[in-house]
Amino acid sequence: MSPKTKNKLTLVAIISPFLLFALAGRFLIDPWELPRQNKGQLLIPHIDVTALEASDGEGHPFGADDTKGMWSILYVAGSECDTRCKNGLYYQVRQVRLALGEDIDRVRRVVLHTAPAGTSLSEFLRDNVDGMISIHAAPEAVQQALAPVYSPDPSHPVGDIFLVSPDGQIFMRYPTHENMEATLEEAENIRVDLKRTLKGSLIG
């Protein structure tokens, strides 16, 4: 066997295991079943924020132009604010943003009202999480826009938290909880996902 042939065989022997592994991964492994780094529910495809048909306090449509320049943590509110709501707004929105450190100014907090705010919600927003941007939308529009998130189950987005990119794409979802341990664990999930997103992004 000539040295040239021997070198070729050696090269094939070295490369073959990697080729076999790649082929097995391509044809035998479903990439959607592999563990993901995301802590929250990744929305594929993303949902354009304009689909919510929301408006600001003056009745102007809320869309991609309003999310430019910053990432958003968006809470979907009902009329009142129970324990789950308070935990979400305080620990999973307010405290998560504060925990971002130097990235805090890259993230805004938004509350999406699907009904007129009752006393408990109005007071909690004022006394505990002041400074959130308030937008409004009909519950039917919000449910329809976010229906793919919950499919095949009915859409019940009130009480959930979403991440929105600076180009107006809703791309992650997190539930809220009455239990404090679950709340703090979910808050950490949001913080980790946001930190990773902000670190890898050149926008916002």
Protein backbone atom coordinates (compact mmCIF):
# COMPACT_ATOMS: atom_id res chain seq x y z
CA MET A 1 0.00 0.00 0.00
CA SER A 2 1.46 3.31 -1.04
CA PRO A 3 1.90 6.11 1.53
CA LYS A 4 -0.62 8.24 -0.41
CA THR A 5 -3.30 5.53 -0.24
CA LYS A 6 -2.54 4.95 3.42
CA ASN A 7 -2.98 8.66 4.20
CA LYS A 8 -6.34 8.70 2.41
CA LEU A 9 -7.57 5.69 4.40
CA THR A 10 -6.42 7.32 7.63
CA LEU A 11 -8.30 10.52 6.74
CA VAL A 12 -11.46 8.54 5.94
CA ALA A 13 -11.18 6.68 9.25
CA ILE A 14 -10.95 9.98 11.12
CA ILE A 15 -13.82 11.68 9.31
CA SER A 16 -16.26 8.74 9.09
CA PRO A 17 -17.56 8.85 12.70
CA PHE A 18 -18.38 12.54 12.37
CA LEU A 19 -20.19 11.97 9.07
CA LEU A 20 -22.20 9.10 10.53
CA PHE A 21 -23.14 11.16 13.56
CA ALA A 22 -24.22 14.06 11.36
CA LEU A 23 -26.34 11.79 9.16
CA ALA A 24 -27.93 10.15 12.19
CA GLY A 25 -28.72 13.56 13.60
CA ARG A 26 -30.20 14.67 10.30
CA PHE A 27 -32.46 11.68 9.69
CA LEU A 28 -33.08 10.08 13.09
CA ILE A 29 -33.34 13.05 15.47
CA ASP A 30 -36.17 15.55 15.43
CA PRO A 31 -34.55 18.93 16.28
CA TRP A 32 -37.83 20.15 17.81
CA GLU A 33 -37.60 17.36 20.40
CA LEU A 34 -34.11 18.31 21.55
CA PRO A 35 -33.81 20.19 24.85
CA ARG A 36 -33.85 23.94 24.34
CA GLN A 37 -32.12 26.63 26.34
CA ASN A 38 -35.27 28.72 26.55
CA LYS A 39 -36.92 28.76 29.96
CA GLY A 40 -40.23 30.14 28.71
CA GLN A 41 -42.47 29.07 25.84
CA LEU A 42 -40.91 30.11 22.55
CA LEU A 43 -43.57 31.24 20.10
CA ILE A 44 -43.03 29.93 16.57
CA PRO A 45 -43.94 31.74 14.48
CA HIS A 46 -43.70 34.99 16.42
CA ILE A 47 -46.85 37.11 16.69
CA ASP A 48 -46.85 40.70 15.47
CA VAL A 49 -47.89 43.07 18.25
CA THR A 50 -50.23 44.85 15.82
CA ALA A 51 -52.40 41.71 15.84
CA LEU A 52 -53.50 42.67 19.37
CA GLU A 53 -55.28 45.71 17.90
CA ALA A 54 -54.22 47.67 20.98
CA SER A 55 -54.20 51.42 21.49
CA ASP A 56 -52.63 53.83 23.93
CA GLY A 57 -54.44 56.05 26.42
CA GLU A 58 -55.24 58.58 23.70
CA GLY A 59 -56.69 56.01 21.35
CA HIS A 60 -53.71 55.87 18.99
CA PRO A 61 -52.92 52.38 17.60
CA PHE A 62 -50.09 50.60 19.39
CA GLY A 63 -47.76 48.85 16.95
CA ALA A 64 -44.18 48.15 15.96
CA ASP A 65 -43.29 51.87 15.96
CA ASP A 66 -44.14 51.96 19.67
CA THR A 67 -41.80 49.09 20.52
CA LYS A 68 -38.78 50.47 18.64
CA GLY A 69 -35.53 50.85 20.51
CA MET A 70 -36.40 48.68 23.52
CA TRP A 71 -37.46 45.19 24.50
CA SER A 72 -40.77 44.90 26.37
CA ILE A 73 -42.14 42.76 29.18
CA LEU A 74 -45.88 42.73 28.56
CA TYR A 75 -48.47 41.67 31.15
CA VAL A 76 -52.03 40.88 30.01
CA ALA A 77 -54.45 42.21 32.63
CA GLY A 78 -58.13 41.66 33.34
CA SER A 79 -60.27 44.04 35.37
CA GLU A 80 -59.06 43.14 38.87
CA CYS A 81 -55.75 42.02 40.38
CA ASP A 82 -55.68 38.85 42.49
CA THR A 83 -52.64 37.19 44.07
CA ARG A 84 -51.49 35.72 40.77
CA CYS A 85 -51.71 39.14 39.14
CA LYS A 86 -49.82 40.87 41.95
CA ASN A 87 -47.08 38.24 41.95
CA GLY A 88 -46.70 38.55 38.20
CA LEU A 89 -46.64 42.33 38.06
CA TYR A 90 -44.28 42.73 41.00
CA TYR A 91 -41.88 39.78 40.87
CA GLN A 92 -42.01 38.68 37.23
CA VAL A 93 -42.12 42.15 35.68
CA ARG A 94 -40.88 44.86 38.04
CA GLN A 95 -38.21 42.89 39.92
CA VAL A 96 -36.98 41.09 36.81
CA ARG A 97 -36.32 44.41 35.09
CA LEU A 98 -34.50 45.73 38.15
CA ALA A 99 -32.37 42.58 38.22
CA LEU A 100 -31.06 43.25 34.70
CA GLY A 101 -28.47 45.67 36.03
CA GLU A 102 -26.77 47.63 33.25
CA ASP A 103 -29.37 46.37 30.76
CA ILE A 104 -32.30 47.86 32.67
CA ASP A 105 -32.66 50.79 30.28
CA ARG A 106 -33.08 48.42 27.34
CA VAL A 107 -36.35 47.02 28.70
CA ARG A 108 -39.74 48.64 29.22
CA ARG A 109 -42.75 47.36 31.20
CA VAL A 110 -46.16 47.29 29.52
CA VAL A 111 -49.57 46.34 30.87
CA LEU A 112 -52.20 45.37 28.31
CA HIS A 113 -55.68 46.07 29.67
CA THR A 114 -58.40 43.83 28.27
CA ALA A 115 -61.03 45.45 30.51
CA PRO A 116 -61.39 48.71 32.45
CA ALA A 117 -59.09 48.52 35.47
CA GLY A 118 -60.93 47.88 38.72
CA THR A 119 -59.93 49.24 42.11
CA SER A 120 -57.54 46.43 43.05
CA LEU A 121 -55.62 46.66 39.77
CA SER A 122 -55.53 50.46 39.65
CA GLU A 123 -54.24 50.69 43.21
CA PHE A 124 -51.61 47.99 42.72
CA LEU A 125 -50.32 49.59 39.53
CA ARG A 126 -50.10 52.97 41.26
CA ASP A 127 -48.68 51.85 44.60
CA ASN A 128 -46.39 48.96 43.68
CA VAL A 129 -45.40 48.98 40.01
CA ASP A 130 -45.66 52.63 39.04
CA GLY A 131 -44.30 53.64 35.65
CA MET A 132 -45.72 50.86 33.48
CA ILE A 133 -46.94 51.81 30.00
CA SER A 134 -50.67 51.13 29.71
CA ILE A 135 -52.30 50.03 26.48
CA HIS A 136 -55.83 48.78 25.84
CA ALA A 137 -57.43 46.17 23.59
CA ALA A 138 -60.68 44.25 23.30
CA PRO A 139 -60.44 40.82 24.95
CA GLU A 140 -61.72 39.12 21.80
CA ALA A 141 -58.92 40.67 19.71
CA VAL A 142 -56.27 39.63 22.22
CA GLN A 143 -57.61 36.09 22.46
CA GLN A 144 -57.69 35.75 18.69
CA ALA A 145 -54.20 37.16 18.19
CA LEU A 146 -52.70 34.88 20.85
CA ALA A 147 -54.78 31.79 20.03
CA PRO A 148 -51.81 29.97 18.40
CA VAL A 149 -49.94 30.18 21.72
CA TYR A 150 -52.50 27.97 23.46
CA SER A 151 -53.66 25.76 20.59
CA PRO A 152 -55.39 23.34 20.62
CA ASP A 153 -56.78 24.67 23.92
CA PRO A 154 -58.88 27.86 24.06
CA SER A 155 -56.94 31.09 24.44
CA HIS A 156 -56.91 32.50 27.99
CA PRO A 157 -54.05 35.02 27.97
CA VAL A 158 -55.15 37.15 30.96
CA GLY A 159 -52.49 36.83 33.65
CA ASP A 160 -49.74 35.72 31.30
CA ILE A 161 -46.51 37.57 30.55
CA PHE A 162 -44.94 37.96 27.11
CA LEU A 163 -41.63 39.26 25.79
CA VAL A 164 -41.78 41.62 22.80
CA SER A 165 -38.82 42.47 20.58
CA PRO A 166 -37.97 46.02 19.43
CA ASP A 167 -39.40 45.19 16.00
CA GLY A 168 -42.79 44.38 17.51
CA GLN A 169 -42.65 40.58 17.62
CA ILE A 170 -44.17 38.72 20.57
CA PHE A 171 -41.78 35.80 20.95
CA MET A 172 -41.92 34.32 24.47
CA ARG A 173 -44.66 33.48 27.00
CA TYR A 174 -44.59 32.84 30.76
CA PRO A 175 -47.47 31.99 33.13
CA THR A 176 -48.03 33.62 36.52
CA HIS A 177 -48.67 31.77 39.77
CA GLU A 178 -50.34 32.14 43.15
CA ASN A 179 -47.60 30.09 44.81
CA MET A 180 -44.60 32.21 45.77
CA GLU A 181 -42.00 29.51 45.07
CA ALA A 182 -43.36 28.99 41.56
CA THR A 183 -43.52 32.77 41.07
CA LEU A 184 -39.86 33.27 41.97
CA GLU A 185 -38.82 30.35 39.77
CA GLU A 186 -40.75 31.84 36.84
CA ALA A 187 -39.21 35.26 37.52
CA GLU A 188 -35.76 33.70 37.26
CA ASN A 189 -36.79 32.02 34.01
CA ILE A 190 -37.72 35.41 32.54
CA ARG A 191 -34.51 37.01 33.80
CA VAL A 192 -32.33 34.27 32.30
CA ASP A 193 -34.10 34.40 28.93
CA LEU A 194 -33.96 38.19 28.83
CA LYS A 195 -30.29 38.30 29.80
CA ARG A 196 -29.42 35.79 27.11
CA THR A 197 -31.51 37.66 24.54
CA LEU A 198 -30.03 41.04 25.39
CA LYS A 199 -26.48 39.67 25.38
CA GLY A 200 -26.90 38.23 21.90
CA SER A 201 -28.76 41.18 20.40
CA LEU A 202 -27.41 44.29 18.71
CA ILE A 203 -30.83 45.94 18.73
CA GLY A 204 -32.67 47.49 21.63
